[in-house]
PDB file of N, CA and C in Angstrom:
ATOM      1  N   MET A   1      25.200 -16.859 -19.978  1.00  0.00           N
ATOM      2  CA  MET A   1      24.771 -15.528 -20.368  1.00  0.00           C
ATOM      3  C   MET A   1      23.284 -15.385 -20.634  1.00  0.00           C
ATOM      4  N   LEU A   2      22.851 -16.427 -21.262  1.00  0.00           N
ATOM      5  CA  LEU A   2      21.331 -16.483 -21.597  1.00  0.00           C
ATOM      6  C   LEU A   2      20.491 -16.449 -20.168  1.00  0.00           C
ATOM      7  N   PHE A   3      20.998 -17.104 -19.183  1.00  0.00           N
ATOM      8  CA  PHE A   3      20.300 -16.976 -17.959  1.00  0.00           C
ATOM      9  C   PHE A   3      20.175 -15.496 -17.287  1.00  0.00           C
ATOM     10  N   VAL A   4      21.354 -14.802 -17.381  1.00  0.00           N
ATOM     11  CA  VAL A   4      21.247 -13.469 -16.862  1.00  0.00           C
ATOM     12  C   VAL A   4      20.216 -12.493 -17.743  1.00  0.00           C
ATOM     13  N   PHE A   5      20.079 -12.737 -19.028  1.00  0.00           N
ATOM     14  CA  PHE A   5      19.116 -11.987 -19.752  1.00  0.00           C
ATOM     15  C   PHE A   5      17.681 -12.375 -19.334  1.00  0.00           C
ATOM     16  N   ARG A   6      17.319 -13.727 -19.386  1.00  0.00           N
ATOM     17  CA  ARG A   6      16.134 -14.277 -18.798  1.00  0.00           C
ATOM     18  C   ARG A   6      15.751 -13.566 -17.495  1.00  0.00           C
ATOM     19  N   GLU A   7      16.696 -13.613 -16.564  1.00  0.00           N
ATOM     20  CA  GLU A   7      16.430 -13.011 -15.186  1.00  0.00           C
ATOM     21  C   GLU A   7      16.066 -11.533 -15.260  1.00  0.00           C
ATOM     22  N   ALA A   8      16.780 -10.954 -16.189  1.00  0.00           N
ATOM     23  CA  ALA A   8      16.524  -9.460 -16.211  1.00  0.00           C
ATOM     24  C   ALA A   8      15.142  -9.153 -16.906  1.00  0.00           C
ATOM     25  N   ARG A   9      14.789 -10.029 -17.874  1.00  0.00           N
ATOM     26  CA  ARG A   9      13.364  -9.846 -18.279  1.00  0.00           C
ATOM     27  C   ARG A   9      12.409 -10.241 -17.421  1.00  0.00           C
ATOM     28  N   SER A  10      12.741 -11.303 -16.660  1.00  0.00           N
ATOM     29  CA  SER A  10      11.770 -11.713 -15.619  1.00  0.00           C
ATOM     30  C   SER A  10      11.432 -10.569 -14.486  1.00  0.00           C
ATOM     31  N   ALA A  11      12.561  -9.985 -14.120  1.00  0.00           N
ATOM     32  CA  ALA A  11      12.454  -8.912 -13.120  1.00  0.00           C
ATOM     33  C   ALA A  11      11.725  -7.846 -13.712  1.00  0.00           C
ATOM     34  N   LEU A  12      11.937  -7.313 -14.902  1.00  0.00           N
ATOM     35  CA  LEU A  12      11.013  -6.266 -15.446  1.00  0.00           C
ATOM     36  C   LEU A  12       9.653  -6.758 -15.625  1.00  0.00           C
ATOM     37  N   ARG A  13       9.458  -7.948 -16.059  1.00  0.00           N
ATOM     38  CA  ARG A  13       8.058  -8.381 -16.015  1.00  0.00           C
ATOM     39  C   ARG A  13       7.237  -8.272 -14.800  1.00  0.00           C
ATOM     40  N   LYS A  14       7.996  -8.796 -13.712  1.00  0.00           N
ATOM     41  CA  LYS A  14       7.418  -8.694 -12.401  1.00  0.00           C
ATOM     42  C   LYS A  14       7.317  -7.264 -11.910  1.00  0.00           C
ATOM     43  N   LEU A  15       8.084  -6.393 -12.203  1.00  0.00           N
ATOM     44  CA  LEU A  15       7.982  -4.933 -11.766  1.00  0.00           C
ATOM     45  C   LEU A  15       6.819  -4.458 -12.484  1.00  0.00           C
ATOM     46  N   LEU A  16       6.478  -4.665 -13.885  1.00  0.00           N
ATOM     47  CA  LEU A  16       5.469  -4.202 -14.481  1.00  0.00           C
ATOM     48  C   LEU A  16       4.099  -4.803 -14.041  1.00  0.00           C
ATOM     49  N   ARG A  17       4.085  -5.990 -13.729  1.00  0.00           N
ATOM     50  CA  ARG A  17       3.000  -6.701 -13.125  1.00  0.00           C
ATOM     51  C   ARG A  17       2.377  -6.057 -11.915  1.00  0.00           C
ATOM     52  N   GLU A  18       3.431  -5.669 -10.995  1.00  0.00           N
ATOM     53  CA  GLU A  18       3.056  -5.043  -9.795  1.00  0.00           C
ATOM     54  C   GLU A  18       2.699  -3.607  -9.993  1.00  0.00           C
ATOM     55  N   ALA A  19       3.134  -2.943 -10.990  1.00  0.00           N
ATOM     56  CA  ALA A  19       2.898  -1.590 -11.303  1.00  0.00           C
ATOM     57  C   ALA A  19       1.421  -1.487 -11.968  1.00  0.00           C
ATOM     58  N   ARG A  20       0.955  -2.644 -12.562  1.00  0.00           N
ATOM     59  CA  ARG A  20      -0.300  -2.670 -12.945  1.00  0.00           C
ATOM     60  C   ARG A  20      -1.390  -2.407 -11.903  1.00  0.00           C
ATOM     61  N   GLU A  21      -1.084  -2.823 -10.658  1.00  0.00           N
ATOM     62  CA  GLU A  21      -1.937  -2.688  -9.604  1.00  0.00           C
ATOM     63  C   GLU A  21      -2.050  -1.250  -8.872  1.00  0.00           C
ATOM     64  N   ILE A  22      -1.175  -0.247  -9.519  1.00  0.00           N
ATOM     65  CA  ILE A  22      -0.970   1.025  -8.944  1.00  0.00           C
ATOM     66  C   ILE A  22      -1.581   1.936 -10.020  1.00  0.00           C
ATOM     67  N   ASP A  23      -2.492   2.982  -9.417  1.00  0.00           N
ATOM     68  CA  ASP A  23      -2.985   3.844 -10.187  1.00  0.00           C
ATOM     69  C   ASP A  23      -2.337   5.095  -9.813  1.00  0.00           C
ATOM     70  N   LEU A  24      -2.125   6.023 -10.920  1.00  0.00           N
ATOM     71  CA  LEU A  24      -1.498   7.248 -10.600  1.00  0.00           C
ATOM     72  C   LEU A  24      -2.498   8.213 -10.072  1.00  0.00           C
ATOM     73  N   PRO A  25      -1.932   9.031  -9.030  1.00  0.00           N
ATOM     74  CA  PRO A  25      -3.066  10.171  -8.632  1.00  0.00           C
ATOM     75  C   PRO A  25      -2.997  11.305  -9.794  1.00  0.00           C
ATOM     76  N   ALA A  26      -3.739  12.241  -9.564  1.00  0.00           N
ATOM     77  CA  ALA A  26      -3.886  13.372 -10.403  1.00  0.00           C
ATOM     78  C   ALA A  26      -2.799  14.275 -10.222  1.00  0.00           C
ATOM     79  N   MET A  27      -1.972  14.417 -11.407  1.00  0.00           N
ATOM     80  CA  MET A  27      -0.785  15.305 -11.358  1.00  0.00           C
ATOM     81  C   MET A  27      -0.741  15.933 -12.718  1.00  0.00           C
ATOM     82  N   LYS A  28       0.048  16.917 -12.799  1.00  0.00           N
ATOM     83  CA  LYS A  28       0.345  17.647 -13.943  1.00  0.00           C
ATOM     84  C   LYS A  28       0.856  16.742 -15.008  1.00  0.00           C
ATOM     85  N   HIS A  29       0.170  16.660 -16.185  1.00  0.00           N
ATOM     86  CA  HIS A  29       0.603  15.832 -17.255  1.00  0.00           C
ATOM     87  C   HIS A  29       0.256  14.364 -17.047  1.00  0.00           C
ATOM     88  N   PHE A  30      -0.472  13.988 -16.075  1.00  0.00           N
ATOM     89  CA  PHE A  30      -1.103  12.536 -15.870  1.00  0.00           C
ATOM     90  C   PHE A  30      -2.531  12.563 -15.700  1.00  0.00           C
ATOM     91  N   GLU A  31      -3.146  11.616 -16.041  1.00  0.00           N
ATOM     92  CA  GLU A  31      -4.650  11.614 -15.809  1.00  0.00           C
ATOM     93  C   GLU A  31      -4.787  10.606 -14.566  1.00  0.00           C
ATOM     94  N   GLU A  32      -5.623  11.156 -13.736  1.00  0.00           N
ATOM     95  CA  GLU A  32      -5.950  10.304 -12.508  1.00  0.00           C
ATOM     96  C   GLU A  32      -6.419   8.976 -12.931  1.00  0.00           C
ATOM     97  N   GLY A  33      -5.845   8.078 -12.099  1.00  0.00           N
ATOM     98  CA  GLY A  33      -6.376   6.542 -12.392  1.00  0.00           C
ATOM     99  C   GLY A  33      -5.492   5.926 -13.430  1.00  0.00           C
ATOM    100  N   GLU A  34      -4.629   6.554 -14.138  1.00  0.00           N
ATOM    101  CA  GLU A  34      -3.696   5.971 -15.225  1.00  0.00           C
ATOM    102  C   GLU A  34      -2.965   4.858 -14.478  1.00  0.00           C
ATOM    103  N   ARG A  35      -2.756   3.878 -15.143  1.00  0.00           N
ATOM    104  CA  ARG A  35      -1.935   2.698 -14.506  1.00  0.00           C
ATOM    105  C   ARG A  35      -0.480   3.027 -14.603  1.00  0.00           C
ATOM    106  N   LEU A  36       0.257   2.936 -13.463  1.00  0.00           N
ATOM    107  CA  LEU A  36       1.608   3.123 -13.492  1.00  0.00           C
ATOM    108  C   LEU A  36       2.503   2.298 -14.584  1.00  0.00           C
ATOM    109  N   ALA A  37       1.987   1.117 -14.851  1.00  0.00           N
ATOM    110  CA  ALA A  37       2.604   0.214 -15.775  1.00  0.00           C
ATOM    111  C   ALA A  37       2.596   0.899 -17.190  1.00  0.00           C
ATOM    112  N   ASP A  38       1.432   1.464 -17.564  1.00  0.00           N
ATOM    113  CA  ASP A  38       1.401   1.982 -18.769  1.00  0.00           C
ATOM    114  C   ASP A  38       2.225   3.252 -18.970  1.00  0.00           C
ATOM    115  N   PHE A  39       2.366   3.985 -17.853  1.00  0.00           N
ATOM    116  CA  PHE A  39       3.328   5.128 -18.062  1.00  0.00           C
ATOM    117  C   PHE A  39       4.892   4.513 -18.137  1.00  0.00           C
ATOM    118  N   LEU A  40       5.127   3.612 -17.408  1.00  0.00           N
ATOM    119  CA  LEU A  40       6.560   3.179 -17.229  1.00  0.00           C
ATOM    120  C   LEU A  40       7.051   2.738 -18.454  1.00  0.00           C
ATOM    121  N   LEU A  41       6.189   1.866 -19.152  1.00  0.00           N
ATOM    122  CA  LEU A  41       6.595   1.190 -20.504  1.00  0.00           C
ATOM    123  C   LEU A  41       5.299   1.349 -21.558  1.00  0.00           C
ATOM    124  N   ASP A  42       5.718   2.006 -22.551  1.00  0.00           N
ATOM    125  CA  ASP A  42       4.679   2.334 -23.523  1.00  0.00           C
ATOM    126  C   ASP A  42       4.424   1.559 -24.533  1.00  0.00           C
ATOM    127  N   GLU A  43       4.966   0.343 -24.427  1.00  0.00           N
ATOM    128  CA  GLU A  43       4.873  -0.780 -25.433  1.00  0.00           C
ATOM    129  C   GLU A  43       4.861  -2.126 -24.734  1.00  0.00           C
ATOM    130  N   ASP A  44       4.377  -3.215 -25.350  1.00  0.00           N
ATOM    131  CA  ASP A  44       4.390  -4.558 -24.764  1.00  0.00           C
ATOM    132  C   ASP A  44       5.887  -4.917 -24.382  1.00  0.00           C
ATOM    133  N   LEU A  45       5.825  -5.575 -23.411  1.00  0.00           N
ATOM    134  CA  LEU A  45       7.081  -6.375 -22.840  1.00  0.00           C
ATOM    135  C   LEU A  45       7.571  -7.273 -23.929  1.00  0.00           C
ATOM    136  N   LEU A  46       8.889  -7.226 -24.169  1.00  0.00           N
ATOM    137  CA  LEU A  46       9.437  -8.134 -25.224  1.00  0.00           C
ATOM    138  C   LEU A  46       9.241  -9.568 -24.845  1.00  0.00           C
ATOM    139  N   ARG A  47       9.146 -10.338 -25.981  1.00  0.00           N
ATOM    140  CA  ARG A  47       8.773 -11.816 -25.729  1.00  0.00           C
ATOM    141  C   ARG A  47       9.893 -12.507 -24.997  1.00  0.00           C
ATOM    142  N   GLU A  48       9.667 -13.683 -24.565  1.00  0.00           N
ATOM    143  CA  GLU A  48      10.648 -14.572 -23.950  1.00  0.00           C
ATOM    144  C   GLU A  48      11.815 -14.827 -25.030  1.00  0.00           C
ATOM    145  N   PRO A  49      13.163 -14.912 -24.543  1.00  0.00           N
ATOM    146  CA  PRO A  49      14.099 -15.283 -25.535  1.00  0.00           C
ATOM    147  C   PRO A  49      14.092 -16.712 -25.926  1.00  0.00           C
ATOM    148  N   GLY A  50      14.648 -17.218 -26.979  1.00  0.00           N
ATOM    149  CA  GLY A  50      14.666 -18.475 -27.327  1.00  0.00           C
ATOM    150  C   GLY A  50      15.283 -19.311 -26.346  1.00  0.00           C
ATOM    151  N   GLU A  51      15.113 -20.678 -26.588  1.00  0.00           N
ATOM    152  CA  GLU A  51      15.642 -21.620 -25.712  1.00  0.00           C
ATOM    153  C   GLU A  51      17.144 -21.727 -25.583  1.00  0.00           C
ATOM    154  N   THR A  52      17.865 -21.631 -26.740  1.00  0.00           N
ATOM    155  CA  THR A  52      19.255 -21.813 -26.810  1.00  0.00           C
ATOM    156  C   THR A  52      20.049 -20.713 -27.205  1.00  0.00           C
ATOM    157  N   ARG A  53      19.436 -19.551 -27.815  1.00  0.00           N
ATOM    158  CA  ARG A  53      20.245 -18.556 -28.138  1.00  0.00           C
ATOM    159  C   ARG A  53      19.238 -17.240 -28.167  1.00  0.00           C
ATOM    160  N   ILE A  54      19.978 -16.057 -28.042  1.00  0.00           N
ATOM    161  CA  ILE A  54      19.132 -14.821 -28.224  1.00  0.00           C
ATOM    162  C   ILE A  54      20.022 -13.732 -29.345  1.00  0.00           C
ATOM    163  N   THR A  55      19.243 -12.990 -29.792  1.00  0.00           N
ATOM    164  CA  THR A  55      19.892 -12.122 -30.951  1.00  0.00           C
ATOM    165  C   THR A  55      20.321 -10.639 -30.263  1.00  0.00           C
ATOM    166  N   SER A  56      21.175 -10.179 -31.072  1.00  0.00           N
ATOM    167  CA  SER A  56      21.506  -8.842 -30.348  1.00  0.00           C
ATOM    168  C   SER A  56      20.436  -7.898 -30.586  1.00  0.00           C
ATOM    169  N   LYS A  57      19.579  -7.970 -31.397  1.00  0.00           N
ATOM    170  CA  LYS A  57      18.307  -7.146 -31.583  1.00  0.00           C
ATOM    171  C   LYS A  57      17.376  -7.374 -30.337  1.00  0.00           C
ATOM    172  N   TRP A  58      17.331  -8.541 -29.811  1.00  0.00           N
ATOM    173  CA  TRP A  58      16.573  -8.873 -28.569  1.00  0.00           C
ATOM    174  C   TRP A  58      17.147  -8.323 -27.399  1.00  0.00           C
ATOM    175  N   VAL A  59      18.520  -8.356 -27.296  1.00  0.00           N
ATOM    176  CA  VAL A  59      19.325  -7.744 -26.064  1.00  0.00           C
ATOM    177  C   VAL A  59      19.097  -6.250 -26.228  1.00  0.00           C
ATOM    178  N   GLY A  60      19.350  -5.635 -27.415  1.00  0.00           N
ATOM    179  CA  GLY A  60      19.013  -4.245 -27.496  1.00  0.00           C
ATOM    180  C   GLY A  60      17.735  -3.698 -27.063  1.00  0.00           C
ATOM    181  N   LYS A  61      16.724  -4.453 -27.391  1.00  0.00           N
ATOM    182  CA  LYS A  61      15.290  -4.258 -27.122  1.00  0.00           C
ATOM    183  C   LYS A  61      15.141  -4.266 -25.662  1.00  0.00           C
ATOM    184  N   LEU A  62      15.604  -5.301 -24.985  1.00  0.00           N
ATOM    185  CA  LEU A  62      15.752  -5.436 -23.612  1.00  0.00           C
ATOM    186  C   LEU A  62      16.247  -4.277 -22.850  1.00  0.00           C
ATOM    187  N   PHE A  63      17.301  -3.901 -23.391  1.00  0.00           N
ATOM    188  CA  PHE A  63      18.048  -2.719 -22.660  1.00  0.00           C
ATOM    189  C   PHE A  63      17.325  -1.409 -22.788  1.00  0.00           C
ATOM    190  N   ARG A  64      16.674  -1.192 -24.014  1.00  0.00           N
ATOM    191  CA  ARG A  64      15.855   0.032 -24.243  1.00  0.00           C
ATOM    192  C   ARG A  64      14.632   0.011 -23.357  1.00  0.00           C
ATOM    193  N   GLN A  65      14.006  -1.050 -23.221  1.00  0.00           N
ATOM    194  CA  GLN A  65      12.752  -1.233 -22.195  1.00  0.00           C
ATOM    195  C   GLN A  65      13.294  -0.981 -20.804  1.00  0.00           C
ATOM    196  N   ILE A  66      14.369  -1.586 -20.354  1.00  0.00           N
ATOM    197  CA  ILE A  66      14.837  -1.313 -19.007  1.00  0.00           C
ATOM    198  C   ILE A  66      15.240   0.201 -18.754  1.00  0.00           C
ATOM    199  N   GLU A  67      15.805   0.737 -19.740  1.00  0.00           N
ATOM    200  CA  GLU A  67      16.399   2.109 -19.672  1.00  0.00           C
ATOM    201  C   GLU A  67      15.099   2.964 -19.633  1.00  0.00           C
ATOM    202  N   GLN A  68      14.020   2.715 -20.417  1.00  0.00           N
ATOM    203  CA  GLN A  68      12.812   3.427 -20.324  1.00  0.00           C
ATOM    204  C   GLN A  68      12.073   3.454 -19.057  1.00  0.00           C
ATOM    205  N   VAL A  69      12.008   2.293 -18.580  1.00  0.00           N
ATOM    206  CA  VAL A  69      11.357   2.144 -17.101  1.00  0.00           C
ATOM    207  C   VAL A  69      12.174   2.846 -16.205  1.00  0.00           C
ATOM    208  N   GLN A  70      13.428   2.774 -16.196  1.00  0.00           N
ATOM    209  CA  GLN A  70      14.225   3.560 -15.185  1.00  0.00           C
ATOM    210  C   GLN A  70      14.095   4.965 -15.301  1.00  0.00           C
ATOM    211  N   ARG A  71      14.162   5.473 -16.521  1.00  0.00           N
ATOM    212  CA  ARG A  71      14.040   6.883 -16.799  1.00  0.00           C
ATOM    213  C   ARG A  71      12.690   7.611 -16.317  1.00  0.00           C
ATOM    214  N   LYS A  72      11.731   6.704 -16.620  1.00  0.00           N
ATOM    215  CA  LYS A  72      10.358   7.245 -16.261  1.00  0.00           C
ATOM    216  C   LYS A  72      10.054   7.109 -14.841  1.00  0.00           C
ATOM    217  N   SER A  73      10.518   6.041 -14.154  1.00  0.00           N
ATOM    218  CA  SER A  73      10.371   5.989 -12.721  1.00  0.00           C
ATOM    219  C   SER A  73      11.128   7.016 -12.007  1.00  0.00           C
ATOM    220  N   GLY A  74      12.386   7.417 -12.389  1.00  0.00           N
ATOM    221  CA  GLY A  74      13.193   8.688 -11.981  1.00  0.00           C
ATOM    222  C   GLY A  74      12.358   9.867 -12.044  1.00  0.00           C
ATOM    223  N   ARG A  75      11.853  10.171 -13.341  1.00  0.00           N
ATOM    224  CA  ARG A  75      11.098  11.297 -13.641  1.00  0.00           C
ATOM    225  C   ARG A  75       9.932  11.394 -12.616  1.00  0.00           C
ATOM    226  N   LEU A  76       9.137  10.405 -12.358  1.00  0.00           N
ATOM    227  CA  LEU A  76       8.042  10.347 -11.402  1.00  0.00           C
ATOM    228  C   LEU A  76       8.464  10.397 -10.101  1.00  0.00           C
ATOM    229  N   TYR A  77       9.674   9.854  -9.712  1.00  0.00           N
ATOM    230  CA  TYR A  77      10.080  10.162  -8.265  1.00  0.00           C
ATOM    231  C   TYR A  77      10.280  11.618  -8.105  1.00  0.00           C
ATOM    232  N   PHE A  78      11.057  12.253  -8.967  1.00  0.00           N
ATOM    233  CA  PHE A  78      11.505  13.635  -8.844  1.00  0.00           C
ATOM    234  C   PHE A  78      10.214  14.548  -8.853  1.00  0.00           C
ATOM    235  N   LYS A  79       9.214  14.148  -9.502  1.00  0.00           N
ATOM    236  CA  LYS A  79       7.917  14.995  -9.813  1.00  0.00           C
ATOM    237  C   LYS A  79       7.283  14.782  -8.438  1.00  0.00           C
ATOM    238  N   SER A  80       7.163  13.614  -7.902  1.00  0.00           N
ATOM    239  CA  SER A  80       6.581  13.464  -6.663  1.00  0.00           C
ATOM    240  C   SER A  80       7.252  14.117  -5.422  1.00  0.00           C
ATOM    241  N   LEU A  81       8.556  14.006  -5.354  1.00  0.00           N
ATOM    242  CA  LEU A  81       9.274  14.821  -4.446  1.00  0.00           C
ATOM    243  C   LEU A  81       9.065  16.384  -4.523  1.00  0.00           C
ATOM    244  N   GLY A  82       9.199  16.880  -5.877  1.00  0.00           N
ATOM    245  CA  GLY A  82       8.832  18.306  -5.887  1.00  0.00           C
ATOM    246  C   GLY A  82       7.360  18.710  -5.297  1.00  0.00           C
ATOM    247  N   GLY A  83       6.434  17.781  -5.518  1.00  0.00           N
ATOM    248  CA  GLY A  83       5.126  18.105  -5.019  1.00  0.00           C
ATOM    249  C   GLY A  83       5.140  18.049  -3.564  1.00  0.00           C
ATOM    250  N   MET A  84       5.740  16.977  -3.020  1.00  0.00           N
ATOM    251  CA  MET A  84       5.922  16.977  -1.532  1.00  0.00           C
ATOM    252  C   MET A  84       6.640  18.125  -0.912  1.00  0.00           C
ATOM    253  N   LEU A  85       7.671  18.567  -1.580  1.00  0.00           N
ATOM    254  CA  LEU A  85       8.299  19.864  -1.105  1.00  0.00           C
ATOM    255  C   LEU A  85       7.662  21.035  -1.109  1.00  0.00           C
ATOM    256  N   ALA A  86       6.764  21.238  -2.219  1.00  0.00           N
ATOM    257  CA  ALA A  86       5.812  22.329  -2.384  1.00  0.00           C
ATOM    258  C   ALA A  86       4.733  22.358  -1.227  1.00  0.00           C
ATOM    259  N   ASN A  87       4.191  21.178  -0.913  1.00  0.00           N
ATOM    260  CA  ASN A  87       3.199  20.944   0.090  1.00  0.00           C
ATOM    261  C   ASN A  87       3.866  21.305   1.429  1.00  0.00           C
ATOM    262  N   GLN A  88       4.953  20.951   1.537  1.00  0.00           N
ATOM    263  CA  GLN A  88       5.691  21.201   2.893  1.00  0.00           C
ATOM    264  C   GLN A  88       5.794  22.714   3.083  1.00  0.00           C
ATOM    265  N   GLU A  89       6.363  23.431   2.079  1.00  0.00           N
ATOM    266  CA  GLU A  89       6.333  24.845   2.208  1.00  0.00           C
ATOM    267  C   GLU A  89       5.124  25.565   2.365  1.00  0.00           C
ATOM    268  N   THR A  90       4.024  25.120   1.668  1.00  0.00           N
ATOM    269  CA  THR A  90       2.679  25.589   1.912  1.00  0.00           C
ATOM    270  C   THR A  90       2.300  25.522   3.388  1.00  0.00           C
ATOM    271  N   ALA A  91       2.610  24.354   3.839  1.00  0.00           N
ATOM    272  CA  ALA A  91       2.085  23.850   5.257  1.00  0.00           C
ATOM    273  C   ALA A  91       2.976  24.837   6.206  1.00  0.00           C
ATOM    274  N   ALA A  92       4.293  25.003   6.009  1.00  0.00           N
ATOM    275  CA  ALA A  92       5.033  25.805   6.878  1.00  0.00           C
ATOM    276  C   ALA A  92       4.705  27.279   6.794  1.00  0.00           C
ATOM    277  N   SER A  93       4.247  27.743   5.707  1.00  0.00           N
ATOM    278  CA  SER A  93       3.749  29.170   5.684  1.00  0.00           C
ATOM    279  C   SER A  93       2.532  29.329   6.295  1.00  0.00           C
ATOM    280  N   GLN A  94       1.607  28.320   6.256  1.00  0.00           N
ATOM    281  CA  GLN A  94       0.359  28.438   6.922  1.00  0.00           C
ATOM    282  C   GLN A  94       0.511  28.368   8.394  1.00  0.00           C
ATOM    283  N   PHE A  95       1.305  27.392   8.891  1.00  0.00           N
ATOM    284  CA  PHE A  95       1.514  27.305  10.287  1.00  0.00           C
ATOM    285  C   PHE A  95       2.160  28.577  10.765  1.00  0.00           C
ATOM    286  N   LEU A  96       3.096  29.171  10.284  1.00  0.00           N
ATOM    287  CA  LEU A  96       3.793  30.374  10.519  1.00  0.00           C
ATOM    288  C   LEU A  96       2.781  31.561  10.574  1.00  0.00           C
ATOM    289  N   ALA A  97       2.023  31.791   9.652  1.00  0.00           N
ATOM    290  CA  ALA A  97       0.901  32.685   9.551  1.00  0.00           C
ATOM    291  C   ALA A  97      -0.068  32.559  10.757  1.00  0.00           C
ATOM    292  N   MET A  98      -0.508  31.357  11.003  1.00  0.00           N
ATOM    293  CA  MET A  98      -1.412  31.119  12.223  1.00  0.00           C
ATOM    294  C   MET A  98      -0.704  31.437  13.494  1.00  0.00           C
ATOM    295  N   ARG A  99       0.613  31.547  13.721  1.00  0.00           N
ATOM    296  CA  ARG A  99       1.354  31.752  14.834  1.00  0.00           C
ATOM    297  C   ARG A  99       1.660  33.304  14.848  1.00  0.00           C
ATOM    298  N   GLY A 100       1.448  33.965  13.955  1.00  0.00           N
ATOM    299  CA  GLY A 100       1.711  35.356  13.877  1.00  0.00           C
ATOM    300  C   GLY A 100       3.080  35.768  13.244  1.00  0.00           C
ATOM    301  N   PHE A 101       3.593  34.846  12.487  1.00  0.00           N
ATOM    302  CA  PHE A 101       4.927  35.066  11.884  1.00  0.00           C
ATOM    303  C   PHE A 101       4.762  35.328  10.383  1.00  0.00           C
ATOM    304  N   ALA A 102       3.657  35.876   9.955  1.00  0.00           N
ATOM    305  CA  ALA A 102       3.442  35.953   8.585  1.00  0.00           C
ATOM    306  C   ALA A 102       4.365  36.803   7.882  1.00  0.00           C
ATOM    307  N   ASN A 103       4.817  37.809   8.492  1.00  0.00           N
ATOM    308  CA  ASN A 103       5.821  38.754   7.814  1.00  0.00           C
ATOM    309  C   ASN A 103       7.329  38.454   8.213  1.00  0.00           C
ATOM    310  N   ALA A 104       7.474  37.377   8.767  1.00  0.00           N
ATOM    311  CA  ALA A 104       9.014  37.091   9.235  1.00  0.00           C
ATOM    312  C   ALA A 104       9.800  36.763   8.025  1.00  0.00           C
ATOM    313  N   ALA A 105      11.024  37.193   8.182  1.00  0.00           N
ATOM    314  CA  ALA A 105      12.038  36.824   7.027  1.00  0.00           C
ATOM    315  C   ALA A 105      12.240  35.385   6.940  1.00  0.00           C
ATOM    316  N   PRO A 106      12.621  34.801   5.822  1.00  0.00           N
ATOM    317  CA  PRO A 106      12.838  33.452   5.774  1.00  0.00           C
ATOM    318  C   PRO A 106      14.238  33.119   6.395  1.00  0.00           C
ATOM    319  N   VAL A 107      14.253  32.002   6.969  1.00  0.00           N
ATOM    320  CA  VAL A 107      15.412  31.564   7.747  1.00  0.00           C
ATOM    321  C   VAL A 107      16.456  31.118   6.673  1.00  0.00           C
ATOM    322  N   VAL A 108      17.659  31.678   6.755  1.00  0.00           N
ATOM    323  CA  VAL A 108      18.740  31.329   5.797  1.00  0.00           C
ATOM    324  C   VAL A 108      19.983  30.904   6.632  1.00  0.00           C
ATOM    325  N   ALA A 109      20.423  29.649   6.293  1.00  0.00           N
ATOM    326  CA  ALA A 109      21.550  29.123   7.117  1.00  0.00           C
ATOM    327  C   ALA A 109      22.892  29.723   6.577  1.00  0.00           C
ATOM    328  N   GLU A 110      23.710  30.159   7.469  1.00  0.00           N
ATOM    329  CA  GLU A 110      25.016  30.723   7.266  1.00  0.00           C
ATOM    330  C   GLU A 110      26.092  29.637   6.921  1.00  0.00           C
ATOM    331  N   ALA A 111      26.859  29.892   6.026  1.00  0.00           N
ATOM    332  CA  ALA A 111      27.924  28.855   5.673  1.00  0.00           C
ATOM    333  C   ALA A 111      28.850  28.876   6.870  1.00  0.00           C
ATOM    334  N   LEU A 112      29.336  27.762   7.193  1.00  0.00           N
ATOM    335  CA  LEU A 112      30.491  27.695   8.275  1.00  0.00           C
ATOM    336  C   LEU A 112      31.861  27.835   7.624  1.00  0.00           C
ATOM    337  N   PRO A 113      32.728  28.405   8.277  1.00  0.00           N
ATOM    338  CA  PRO A 113      34.095  28.647   7.753  1.00  0.00           C
ATOM    339  C   PRO A 113      34.741  27.254   7.482  1.00  0.00           C
ATOM    340  N   ALA A 114      35.551  27.196   6.574  1.00  0.00           N
ATOM    341  CA  ALA A 114      36.228  25.957   6.141  1.00  0.00           C
ATOM    342  C   ALA A 114      37.142  25.744   7.182  1.00  0.00           C
ATOM    343  N   VAL A 115      37.367  24.521   7.533  1.00  0.00           N
ATOM    344  CA  VAL A 115      38.339  24.021   8.644  1.00  0.00           C
ATOM    345  C   VAL A 115      39.263  23.072   8.009  1.00  0.00           C
ATOM    346  N   GLU A 116      40.525  23.230   8.260  1.00  0.00           N
ATOM    347  CA  GLU A 116      41.553  22.440   7.672  1.00  0.00           C
ATOM    348  C   GLU A 116      41.477  21.110   8.569  1.00  0.00           C
ATOM    349  N   PRO A 117      41.493  19.828   7.991  1.00  0.00           N
ATOM    350  CA  PRO A 117      41.613  18.706   8.700  1.00  0.00           C
ATOM    351  C   PRO A 117      42.881  18.411   9.480  1.00  0.00           C
ATOM    352  N   GLU A 118      42.829  17.967  10.610  1.00  0.00           N
ATOM    353  CA  GLU A 118      44.005  17.452  11.373  1.00  0.00           C
ATOM    354  C   GLU A 118      44.628  16.252  11.040  1.00  0.00           C
ATOM    355  N   VAL A 119      45.892  16.401  10.679  1.00  0.00           N
ATOM    356  CA  VAL A 119      46.632  15.147  10.197  1.00  0.00           C
ATOM    357  C   VAL A 119      47.296  14.460  11.506  1.00  0.00           C
ATOM    358  N   VAL A 120      47.037  13.306  11.591  1.00  0.00           N
ATOM    359  CA  VAL A 120      47.765  12.454  12.703  1.00  0.00           C
ATOM    360  C   VAL A 120      48.514  11.546  12.176  1.00  0.00           C
ATOM    361  N   VAL A 121      49.936  11.626  12.438  1.00  0.00           N
ATOM    362  CA  VAL A 121      50.810  10.629  12.070  1.00  0.00           C
ATOM    363  C   VAL A 121      51.128   9.617  12.978  1.00  0.00           C
ATOM    364  N   LEU A 122      50.962   8.277  12.626  1.00  0.00           N
ATOM    365  CA  LEU A 122      51.167   7.182  13.509  1.00  0.00           C
ATOM    366  C   LEU A 122      52.475   6.554  13.272  1.00  0.00           C
ATOM    367  N   ASP A 123      53.087   6.383  14.346  1.00  0.00           N
ATOM    368  CA  ASP A 123      54.470   5.779  14.176  1.00  0.00           C
ATOM    369  C   ASP A 123      54.410   4.159  14.069  1.00  0.00           C
TER     370      ASP A 123
END
């Protein structure tokens, strides 16, 4: 069991080391040039566990740090995705305006009627 926790901490340390090399771009609620690692984990990575045993306090802190990194990376992912979608909408609107479709109604997909699946009985 000790091996598993050591590996989890090691993977978290590696992720944060790689994140130190990445600077965040300017975004709402982010400073341009802020290091990704500082955003993902706002405290020092917990120390290595002991050689022969670990405490429940140590395990709890490891889980909290992993959860924080997961939560914040998810937040950044969706924030970035939202920005990309907004840029795509702007680009599409500008493209349509350049082609003379500035007053065109937005395209809305129609729902297809429900179809009952066909059941095939095999003998």
